[in-house]
Amino acid sequence: MVFNSLAFMAFFAVVLVLHAMPFSWNTKKVNLLIASYLFYAAWNPPFVILLWISTVVDWFAAQKLVHARRQMVRRAWMLLSVVANLGMLGYFKYGHFLLDNFSMLMTGIGVHYVPPAWDIVLPVGISFYTFATLSYTLDVYLHRAMPARRFLDYALFVTFFPHLVAGPIMRPTELVPQFEQPHRASANQLRFGLALMTLGLFQKIVLADSFLAQAAEMIYDSDKIPGALDAWFGTLAFSGQIFCDFAGYSTTAIGAAMCLGFAMPDNFRFPYAAIGFSDFWRRWHITLSSWLRDYLYIPLGGNRHGAARTYLALMTTMLLGGLWHGASWTFVVWGGLHGLYLSTERLLRARFAGYRPGPGMLLALGLLTYVLINVTWVFFRAHSFGKAWSVLRGMVGSNTAAAPILPTMYLVMTALIVGGLVLAHWLMRERTLESMLQRAPAVSLSAALGVMLFTIVIAQGAGNAFIYFQF
């Protein structure tokens, strides 16, 4: 079940009605837990078993390690949780990738090896809920949090349907305390939550799927060699598509949780107005970047052990962050480029520590950041290195004999939407969506939401699954 479907609209309406009924708080939580399992089972019912395994293993591991007296025993329970969670993630998501690379390695040294067929379906959202459950036992192990007092609260944290399959990646300290006390949305929360869901679905169904996806597909899913104009506009279209798709999901998820009376953290803060790459990662997929910082970059040494160790930790974190997105070397290169950007930025900041750029230079640096971000999107979107090199050659003007691919209509549409998106990010750079919606005149806001709803209804049926479901 996906947010951009009529089935979800009916499902969510039933959940809202049940949550508003005069049941006990415990009964309402059971209703939410059952609804979350049904939401996930709509894709593939047997994969609910994986959710149960993660839930039960991490619950008992946290309970045991917090009562263990010896550090070795505590470490053993923590490792059980890590091995169980990463083991399932590795098997389902990276098994085929590892098998293919092992086969190529054997061929490279002259050994003929034919790997067995690998018909394992990737469970939707496994990367997201694995990180969420891992943070629970790791936080308890590191004395950052106490275990949940009730198993029901923890089980609901793992499976809560708004964040289950594509984030935001929640921490138990953010959600479990909310389940301990009765929550029901106020009238203002319900209105704001529905407004967020409308905005999120508009971004996904109308902007990402109906307007931008086709231009990106014509460049990246075709055997044609793109020229400079096509390569840039196809990549710009994807930059808009990936933002509207993923930010649209996060906005819808946050809105759905708010309609039930729960708060979830922002996952995007106008990232295409970032000035520099550390600023970009403070604005893009915020819950993932903070997770990687807290559970990977800092444990690897962070910036506490000299420059060399810092750059190594930074590159390792971003390479693994790239691999988290997909079992392909193109994603590793995408992460590696971000690691290289971040390392270079850190080096330049140290070299020019006293430099204070003016407004014009800040704008130029912001535009340079966006251009270089688009270079990384080439590897994120391309299905092979061959296609990535073809697009990159086009972007630098090397495909001189290339014939035009994108019709003029697609070029104009991409320029208007992506240009408007980047401009909106810059205008909202120092603001929040909440403050803007609160200050907007009621008539103007209602009219805008009405237009969005109308276009969502018109475009309904053209929407695709969210891109990040594959991760």
Protein backbone atom coordinates (compact mmCIF):
# COMPACT_ATOMS: atom_id res chain seq x y z
CA MET A 1 0.00 0.00 0.00
CA VAL A 2 1.40 3.36 -0.99
CA PHE A 3 0.41 6.84 0.12
CA ASN A 4 -0.46 7.84 -3.45
CA SER A 5 -3.27 5.29 -3.79
CA LEU A 6 -7.02 5.23 -3.21
CA ALA A 7 -6.53 2.15 -1.02
CA PHE A 8 -4.43 4.21 1.38
CA MET A 9 -7.01 6.99 1.47
CA ALA A 10 -9.67 4.48 2.56
CA PHE A 11 -7.27 2.81 5.01
CA PHE A 12 -6.26 6.13 6.55
CA ALA A 13 -9.87 7.28 6.92
CA VAL A 14 -10.67 4.10 8.88
CA VAL A 15 -7.57 4.59 11.07
CA LEU A 16 -8.59 8.18 11.83
CA VAL A 17 -12.12 7.12 12.78
CA LEU A 18 -10.90 4.34 15.06
CA HIS A 19 -8.38 6.66 16.67
CA ALA A 20 -11.13 9.18 17.40
CA MET A 21 -13.41 6.60 19.05
CA PRO A 22 -13.75 6.59 22.87
CA PHE A 23 -11.53 3.51 23.33
CA SER A 24 -8.90 3.15 26.00
CA TRP A 25 -5.40 4.35 25.07
CA ASN A 26 -4.15 0.76 25.13
CA THR A 27 -6.86 -0.29 22.68
CA LYS A 28 -6.01 2.60 20.36
CA LYS A 29 -2.35 1.57 20.34
CA VAL A 30 -3.34 -2.01 19.51
CA ASN A 31 -5.48 -0.65 16.67
CA LEU A 32 -2.51 1.35 15.34
CA LEU A 33 -0.23 -1.68 15.61
CA ILE A 34 -2.67 -3.91 13.70
CA ALA A 35 -3.20 -1.18 11.10
CA SER A 36 0.56 -0.83 10.65
CA TYR A 37 0.95 -4.57 10.09
CA LEU A 38 -1.89 -4.50 7.55
CA PHE A 39 -0.26 -1.51 5.84
CA TYR A 40 3.02 -3.42 5.48
CA ALA A 41 1.40 -6.77 4.64
CA ALA A 42 -0.32 -5.16 1.65
CA TRP A 43 3.02 -5.52 -0.21
CA ASN A 44 3.99 -9.04 0.78
CA PRO A 45 2.44 -10.62 3.91
CA PRO A 46 5.31 -13.06 4.69
CA PHE A 47 7.72 -10.14 5.18
CA VAL A 48 5.81 -9.17 8.32
CA ILE A 49 7.81 -12.02 9.89
CA LEU A 50 10.98 -9.96 9.42
CA LEU A 51 9.37 -7.10 11.34
CA TRP A 52 8.51 -9.52 14.15
CA ILE A 53 12.07 -10.86 14.26
CA SER A 54 13.58 -7.35 14.43
CA THR A 55 11.06 -6.30 17.07
CA VAL A 56 11.48 -9.33 19.33
CA VAL A 57 15.27 -9.63 19.03
CA ASP A 58 15.90 -5.94 19.79
CA TRP A 59 13.35 -5.82 22.60
CA PHE A 60 14.94 -8.74 24.46
CA ALA A 61 18.50 -7.68 23.65
CA ALA A 62 17.88 -4.23 25.14
CA GLN A 63 16.19 -5.69 28.22
CA LYS A 64 19.05 -8.11 28.80
CA LEU A 65 21.95 -5.73 28.21
CA VAL A 66 20.58 -3.07 30.54
CA HIS A 67 20.44 -5.57 33.41
CA ALA A 68 23.77 -7.25 32.63
CA ARG A 69 26.49 -6.59 35.22
CA ARG A 70 29.54 -7.41 33.11
CA GLN A 71 30.57 -5.33 30.10
CA MET A 72 31.33 -8.47 28.09
CA VAL A 73 27.75 -9.68 28.53
CA ARG A 74 26.36 -6.26 27.59
CA ARG A 75 28.51 -6.24 24.48
CA ALA A 76 27.31 -9.74 23.57
CA TRP A 77 23.64 -8.69 23.66
CA MET A 78 24.41 -5.58 21.65
CA LEU A 79 26.26 -7.64 19.04
CA LEU A 80 23.33 -10.07 18.84
CA SER A 81 21.09 -7.18 17.84
CA VAL A 82 23.61 -5.80 15.33
CA VAL A 83 24.29 -9.19 13.74
CA ALA A 84 20.59 -10.11 13.54
CA ASN A 85 19.56 -6.81 11.95
CA LEU A 86 22.51 -6.34 9.61
CA GLY A 87 22.41 -10.06 8.79
CA MET A 88 18.85 -9.81 7.47
CA LEU A 89 19.65 -6.57 5.66
CA GLY A 90 22.79 -8.08 4.14
CA TYR A 91 21.05 -11.26 3.02
CA PHE A 92 18.04 -9.67 1.38
CA LYS A 93 19.61 -6.48 0.03
CA TYR A 94 23.26 -7.32 -0.66
CA GLY A 95 23.30 -11.09 -1.20
CA HIS A 96 22.97 -10.87 -4.98
CA PHE A 97 25.43 -7.97 -5.15
CA LEU A 98 28.06 -9.88 -3.17
CA LEU A 99 27.50 -13.05 -5.19
CA ASP A 100 27.92 -11.24 -8.50
CA ASN A 101 31.09 -9.50 -7.34
CA PHE A 102 32.52 -12.77 -6.03
CA SER A 103 31.82 -14.37 -9.40
CA MET A 104 33.60 -11.50 -11.22
CA LEU A 105 36.54 -11.81 -8.83
CA MET A 106 36.84 -15.53 -9.53
CA THR A 107 36.67 -14.90 -13.28
CA GLY A 108 39.37 -12.23 -12.91
CA ILE A 109 41.80 -14.75 -11.37
CA GLY A 110 40.97 -17.42 -13.94
CA VAL A 111 38.48 -19.52 -11.96
CA HIS A 112 35.24 -20.36 -13.73
CA TYR A 113 32.40 -19.97 -11.25
CA VAL A 114 28.71 -19.86 -12.09
CA PRO A 115 26.72 -18.49 -9.13
CA PRO A 116 23.34 -20.03 -8.31
CA ALA A 117 20.16 -18.20 -9.23
CA TRP A 118 19.20 -15.57 -6.65
CA ASP A 119 15.44 -15.05 -6.60
CA ILE A 120 15.20 -13.20 -3.30
CA VAL A 121 12.68 -10.34 -3.19
CA LEU A 122 13.88 -7.21 -1.39
CA PRO A 123 11.49 -6.46 1.50
CA VAL A 124 10.20 -2.94 1.12
CA GLY A 125 11.60 -0.48 3.66
CA ILE A 126 14.07 -2.94 5.22
CA SER A 127 16.88 -0.36 5.17
CA PHE A 128 14.74 2.14 7.07
CA TYR A 129 13.31 -0.04 9.81
CA THR A 130 16.65 -1.81 10.29
CA PHE A 131 18.31 1.52 11.13
CA ALA A 132 15.40 2.47 13.40
CA THR A 133 15.58 -0.76 15.42
CA LEU A 134 19.38 -0.68 15.56
CA SER A 135 19.29 2.78 17.09
CA TYR A 136 17.19 1.37 19.94
CA THR A 137 19.69 -1.22 21.16
CA LEU A 138 22.69 0.99 20.40
CA ASP A 139 21.22 3.88 22.40
CA VAL A 140 20.50 1.58 25.33
CA TYR A 141 24.01 0.09 25.08
CA LEU A 142 25.60 3.55 24.98
CA HIS A 143 23.48 4.74 27.95
CA ARG A 144 21.77 7.33 25.77
CA ALA A 145 18.30 5.96 26.54
CA MET A 146 16.47 3.51 28.76
CA PRO A 147 14.54 0.57 27.28
CA ALA A 148 10.86 1.06 26.57
CA ARG A 149 8.73 0.15 29.54
CA ARG A 150 6.10 -1.70 27.53
CA PHE A 151 6.56 -4.10 24.65
CA LEU A 152 3.48 -2.67 22.91
CA ASP A 153 5.05 0.81 22.81
CA TYR A 154 8.26 -0.53 21.32
CA ALA A 155 6.47 -2.74 18.78
CA LEU A 156 4.39 0.26 17.67
CA PHE A 157 7.57 2.35 17.36
CA VAL A 158 9.04 -0.21 14.94
CA THR A 159 5.92 -0.65 12.82
CA PHE A 160 4.18 2.76 12.98
CA PHE A 161 2.97 2.98 9.38
CA PRO A 162 3.77 6.67 8.56
CA HIS A 163 7.54 6.11 8.90
CA LEU A 164 7.77 2.35 8.36
CA VAL A 165 8.84 1.96 4.74
CA ALA A 166 10.67 5.18 3.80
CA GLY A 167 11.28 7.18 6.93
CA PRO A 168 11.88 9.60 8.44
CA ILE A 169 14.27 7.27 10.30
CA MET A 170 12.93 7.63 13.82
CA ARG A 171 14.83 7.22 17.07
CA PRO A 172 13.03 5.47 19.94
CA THR A 173 13.54 8.54 22.14
CA GLU A 174 11.50 10.55 19.62
CA LEU A 175 8.47 8.27 19.35
CA VAL A 176 8.25 5.79 22.26
CA PRO A 177 7.56 8.54 24.87
CA GLN A 178 4.68 9.75 22.70
CA PHE A 179 3.09 6.30 22.86
CA GLU A 180 3.21 6.25 26.64
CA GLN A 181 0.58 8.98 26.97
CA PRO A 182 -2.77 9.38 25.15
CA HIS A 183 -2.45 11.41 21.95
CA ARG A 184 -5.23 12.75 19.78
CA ALA A 185 -4.89 15.50 17.22
CA SER A 186 -6.38 18.88 17.97
CA ALA A 187 -8.42 20.63 15.28
CA ASN A 188 -5.37 22.71 14.30
CA GLN A 189 -3.13 19.63 14.16
CA LEU A 190 -5.67 17.81 11.99
CA ARG A 191 -5.93 20.74 9.57
CA PHE A 192 -2.17 21.18 9.41
CA GLY A 193 -1.60 17.44 9.02
CA LEU A 194 -4.06 17.23 6.13
CA ALA A 195 -2.41 20.28 4.53
CA LEU A 196 0.99 18.58 4.77
CA MET A 197 -0.40 15.38 3.25
CA THR A 198 -1.89 17.38 0.39
CA LEU A 199 1.41 19.17 -0.25
CA GLY A 200 3.35 15.90 -0.08
CA LEU A 201 1.05 14.07 -2.50
CA PHE A 202 1.11 17.07 -4.86
CA GLN A 203 4.91 16.95 -4.90
CA LYS A 204 4.89 13.22 -5.60
CA ILE A 205 1.93 12.64 -7.93
CA VAL A 206 1.86 15.90 -9.87
CA LEU A 207 5.41 17.29 -9.92
CA ALA A 208 7.59 14.17 -9.65
CA ASP A 209 5.53 11.64 -11.61
CA SER A 210 3.37 13.66 -13.99
CA PHE A 211 5.87 16.34 -15.06
CA LEU A 212 9.49 15.44 -14.28
CA ALA A 213 9.80 11.66 -14.48
CA GLN A 214 9.36 11.45 -18.25
CA ALA A 215 12.24 13.81 -19.03
CA ALA A 216 14.58 11.89 -16.74
CA GLU A 217 13.47 8.54 -18.18
CA MET A 218 14.00 9.68 -21.77
CA ILE A 219 17.65 10.39 -20.98
CA TYR A 220 18.55 7.68 -18.45
CA ASP A 221 16.39 4.76 -19.63
CA SER A 222 17.28 5.13 -23.30
CA ASP A 223 20.19 3.86 -25.37
CA LYS A 224 20.46 7.24 -27.11
CA ILE A 225 23.55 9.36 -26.50
CA PRO A 226 22.58 12.75 -25.03
CA GLY A 227 24.02 16.07 -26.04
CA ALA A 228 24.81 18.84 -23.57
CA LEU A 229 21.28 20.27 -23.42
CA ASP A 230 19.62 16.87 -23.04
CA ALA A 231 22.15 15.61 -20.48
CA TRP A 232 21.75 18.66 -18.28
CA PHE A 233 17.99 18.91 -18.55
CA GLY A 234 17.51 15.16 -17.98
CA THR A 235 19.67 15.39 -14.86
CA LEU A 236 17.96 18.57 -13.66
CA ALA A 237 14.62 16.85 -14.14
CA PHE A 238 15.82 13.98 -11.98
CA SER A 239 17.10 16.37 -9.32
CA GLY A 240 13.60 17.80 -9.11
CA GLN A 241 11.98 14.38 -9.31
CA ILE A 242 14.04 12.79 -6.52
CA PHE A 243 13.40 15.75 -4.22
CA CYS A 244 9.65 15.93 -4.90
CA ASP A 245 9.37 12.15 -4.62
CA PHE A 246 11.24 11.69 -1.35
CA ALA A 247 10.37 14.99 0.31
CA GLY A 248 6.80 14.35 -0.81
CA TYR A 249 6.81 11.02 1.01
CA SER A 250 8.34 12.50 4.16
CA THR A 251 5.89 15.42 4.16
CA THR A 252 2.95 13.04 3.73
CA ALA A 253 4.28 10.80 6.51
CA ILE A 254 4.74 13.71 8.92
CA GLY A 255 1.25 14.96 8.06
CA ALA A 256 -0.32 11.52 8.59
CA ALA A 257 1.34 11.20 12.00
CA MET A 258 0.18 14.72 12.92
CA CYS A 259 -3.41 13.83 12.01
CA LEU A 260 -3.15 11.13 14.70
CA GLY A 261 -1.63 13.54 17.22
CA PHE A 262 2.02 12.46 16.90
CA ALA A 263 5.07 14.55 15.97
CA MET A 264 7.85 13.39 13.67
CA PRO A 265 11.02 15.35 12.80
CA ASP A 266 11.59 17.23 9.55
CA ASN A 267 13.49 15.26 6.94
CA PHE A 268 14.13 18.06 4.41
CA ARG A 269 14.86 21.76 4.85
CA PHE A 270 15.08 23.26 1.36
CA PRO A 271 18.33 21.46 0.39
CA TYR A 272 18.73 23.02 -3.05
CA ALA A 273 19.50 26.32 -1.32
CA ALA A 274 22.46 24.75 0.49
CA ILE A 275 25.74 26.65 0.51
CA GLY A 276 28.32 23.90 0.65
CA PHE A 277 27.96 20.18 1.14
CA SER A 278 27.91 20.01 4.92
CA ASP A 279 24.98 22.44 4.67
CA PHE A 280 23.38 20.18 2.04
CA TRP A 281 23.50 17.19 4.38
CA ARG A 282 22.00 19.26 7.18
CA ARG A 283 19.05 19.81 4.83
CA TRP A 284 18.75 16.60 2.78
CA HIS A 285 17.46 13.35 4.32
CA ILE A 286 18.23 14.80 7.73
CA THR A 287 17.33 11.71 9.74
CA LEU A 288 19.71 9.53 7.70
CA SER A 289 22.61 12.00 7.87
CA SER A 290 22.19 12.36 11.65
CA TRP A 291 22.01 8.56 11.99
CA LEU A 292 25.23 8.11 9.99
CA ARG A 293 26.90 10.85 12.05
CA ASP A 294 25.91 9.39 15.44
CA TYR A 295 26.36 5.68 14.74
CA LEU A 296 29.12 5.59 12.14
CA TYR A 297 31.13 8.82 11.73
CA ILE A 298 31.60 9.56 15.45
CA PRO A 299 32.40 5.91 16.40
CA LEU A 300 34.98 5.89 13.58
CA GLY A 301 36.72 8.78 15.30
CA GLY A 302 34.93 11.78 13.85
CA ASN A 303 37.11 14.88 14.09
CA ARG A 304 38.76 13.97 17.40
CA HIS A 305 41.93 12.23 16.20
CA GLY A 306 43.59 14.51 13.67
CA ALA A 307 42.95 15.45 10.06
CA ALA A 308 43.87 12.11 8.46
CA ARG A 309 41.55 10.15 10.74
CA THR A 310 38.77 12.70 10.15
CA TYR A 311 38.97 12.40 6.36
CA LEU A 312 39.08 8.60 6.60
CA ALA A 313 35.99 8.57 8.84
CA LEU A 314 34.22 10.99 6.50
CA MET A 315 34.95 9.00 3.35
CA THR A 316 34.07 5.69 4.99
CA THR A 317 30.78 7.09 6.26
CA MET A 318 29.75 8.46 2.88
CA LEU A 319 30.83 5.35 0.97
CA LEU A 320 28.75 3.18 3.28
CA GLY A 321 25.96 5.73 3.08
CA GLY A 322 26.03 5.34 -0.69
CA LEU A 323 25.92 1.56 -0.38
CA TRP A 324 22.97 1.86 2.01
CA HIS A 325 21.00 3.43 -0.83
CA GLY A 326 21.45 0.49 -3.16
CA ALA A 327 23.45 -2.65 -3.87
CA SER A 328 25.39 -1.22 -6.81
CA TRP A 329 28.79 0.34 -7.33
CA THR A 330 27.12 3.40 -8.88
CA PHE A 331 25.66 4.21 -5.44
CA VAL A 332 29.08 3.73 -3.87
CA VAL A 333 30.52 6.25 -6.33
CA TRP A 334 27.65 8.63 -5.51
CA GLY A 335 28.52 8.36 -1.82
CA GLY A 336 32.24 8.64 -2.59
CA LEU A 337 31.71 11.88 -4.51
CA HIS A 338 29.85 13.34 -1.54
CA GLY A 339 32.67 12.21 0.72
CA LEU A 340 35.18 13.89 -1.60
CA TYR A 341 33.10 17.08 -1.68
CA LEU A 342 32.81 17.15 2.12
CA SER A 343 36.53 16.49 2.57
CA THR A 344 37.48 19.20 0.07
CA GLU A 345 35.11 21.66 1.73
CA ARG A 346 36.60 20.88 5.14
CA LEU A 347 40.11 21.41 3.79
CA LEU A 348 39.16 24.76 2.19
CA ARG A 349 37.41 25.95 5.34
CA ALA A 350 40.56 25.28 7.34
CA ARG A 351 42.73 26.95 4.69
CA PHE A 352 40.55 30.09 4.46
CA ALA A 353 39.27 30.18 8.03
CA GLY A 354 39.15 33.97 8.17
CA TYR A 355 37.34 34.47 4.87
CA ARG A 356 33.78 35.84 5.11
CA PRO A 357 32.03 35.77 1.70
CA GLY A 358 29.56 38.49 0.80
CA PRO A 359 25.99 37.93 -0.45
CA GLY A 360 27.03 37.64 -4.08
CA MET A 361 29.69 35.07 -3.32
CA LEU A 362 27.26 33.12 -1.11
CA LEU A 363 24.83 32.94 -4.01
CA ALA A 364 27.60 31.80 -6.36
CA LEU A 365 28.72 29.14 -3.88
CA GLY A 366 25.12 27.98 -3.53
CA LEU A 367 24.72 27.62 -7.30
CA LEU A 368 28.07 25.80 -7.52
CA THR A 369 26.88 23.43 -4.78
CA TYR A 370 23.70 22.70 -6.74
CA VAL A 371 25.62 22.08 -9.97
CA LEU A 372 28.00 19.63 -8.27
CA ILE A 373 25.07 17.91 -6.52
CA ASN A 374 23.60 17.32 -9.97
CA VAL A 375 26.85 15.64 -11.06
CA THR A 376 26.39 13.15 -8.22
CA TRP A 377 22.77 12.52 -9.25
CA VAL A 378 24.08 11.11 -12.53
CA PHE A 379 25.53 8.10 -10.68
CA PHE A 380 22.47 7.83 -8.44
CA ARG A 381 20.09 7.64 -11.42
CA ALA A 382 22.14 5.75 -14.02
CA HIS A 383 21.72 1.98 -14.03
CA SER A 384 25.30 1.40 -15.17
CA PHE A 385 28.64 3.16 -15.36
CA GLY A 386 28.36 3.15 -19.14
CA LYS A 387 25.21 5.22 -18.98
CA ALA A 388 26.69 7.50 -16.32
CA TRP A 389 29.77 8.21 -18.47
CA SER A 390 27.54 8.86 -21.51
CA VAL A 391 25.54 11.47 -19.59
CA LEU A 392 28.65 13.05 -18.06
CA ARG A 393 30.27 13.29 -21.50
CA GLY A 394 27.13 14.99 -22.71
CA MET A 395 27.19 17.44 -19.80
CA VAL A 396 30.71 18.60 -20.71
CA GLY A 397 29.85 18.78 -24.44
CA SER A 398 31.85 15.77 -25.63
CA ASN A 399 28.92 14.02 -27.38
CA THR A 400 29.15 16.40 -30.33
CA ALA A 401 27.33 14.10 -32.78
CA ALA A 402 24.37 13.50 -30.46
CA ALA A 403 20.89 14.10 -31.87
CA PRO A 404 18.28 15.98 -29.79
CA ILE A 405 16.23 13.73 -27.50
CA LEU A 406 13.96 15.86 -25.32
CA PRO A 407 11.10 17.71 -27.06
CA THR A 408 10.92 21.46 -26.51
CA MET A 409 7.88 20.99 -24.26
CA TYR A 410 9.92 18.85 -21.85
CA LEU A 411 12.76 21.36 -21.81
CA VAL A 412 10.41 24.23 -20.99
CA MET A 413 8.52 22.20 -18.40
CA THR A 414 11.72 21.12 -16.66
CA ALA A 415 13.12 24.66 -16.67
CA LEU A 416 9.94 26.10 -15.16
CA ILE A 417 9.44 23.44 -12.47
CA VAL A 418 13.06 22.95 -11.40
CA GLY A 419 13.80 26.67 -11.66
CA GLY A 420 10.73 27.42 -9.55
CA LEU A 421 11.74 24.71 -7.06
CA VAL A 422 15.27 26.08 -6.61
CA LEU A 423 13.94 29.63 -6.30
CA ALA A 424 11.43 28.51 -3.67
CA HIS A 425 14.23 26.83 -1.72
CA TRP A 426 16.25 30.04 -1.71
CA LEU A 427 13.26 32.13 -0.65
CA MET A 428 12.52 29.66 2.17
CA ARG A 429 16.17 29.05 3.09
CA GLU A 430 16.01 30.66 6.53
CA ARG A 431 12.34 29.89 7.14
CA THR A 432 10.25 26.85 8.01
CA LEU A 433 7.26 25.42 6.21
CA GLU A 434 5.25 25.61 9.43
CA SER A 435 5.87 29.35 9.84
CA MET A 436 4.97 30.02 6.22
CA LEU A 437 1.68 28.10 6.45
CA GLN A 438 0.78 29.80 9.71
CA ARG A 439 1.36 33.28 8.26
CA ALA A 440 -0.35 32.62 4.92
CA PRO A 441 -3.80 34.24 4.52
CA ALA A 442 -6.53 31.64 5.01
CA VAL A 443 -8.13 32.39 1.64
CA SER A 444 -4.85 32.10 -0.29
CA LEU A 445 -3.85 28.93 1.54
CA SER A 446 -7.25 27.31 0.96
CA ALA A 447 -7.13 28.22 -2.73
CA ALA A 448 -3.61 26.78 -3.12
CA LEU A 449 -4.54 23.55 -1.35
CA GLY A 450 -7.71 23.32 -3.44
CA VAL A 451 -5.69 23.59 -6.65
CA MET A 452 -3.27 20.95 -5.37
CA LEU A 453 -6.13 18.58 -4.51
CA PHE A 454 -7.68 19.12 -7.92
CA THR A 455 -4.44 18.36 -9.76
CA ILE A 456 -3.85 15.31 -7.53
CA VAL A 457 -7.27 13.94 -8.50
CA ILE A 458 -6.68 14.70 -12.17
CA ALA A 459 -3.24 13.01 -12.14
CA GLN A 460 -4.28 10.08 -9.91
CA GLY A 461 -3.47 6.80 -11.64
CA ALA A 462 -0.32 8.19 -13.26
CA GLY A 463 1.62 8.00 -10.00
CA ASN A 464 4.39 5.46 -9.49
CA ALA A 465 5.83 3.85 -6.37
CA PHE A 466 8.07 6.13 -4.34
CA ILE A 467 11.70 5.93 -5.50
CA TYR A 468 13.08 5.30 -2.01
CA PHE A 469 10.93 2.16 -1.59
CA GLN A 470 13.65 0.29 -3.52
CA PHE A 471 16.18 1.19 -0.84
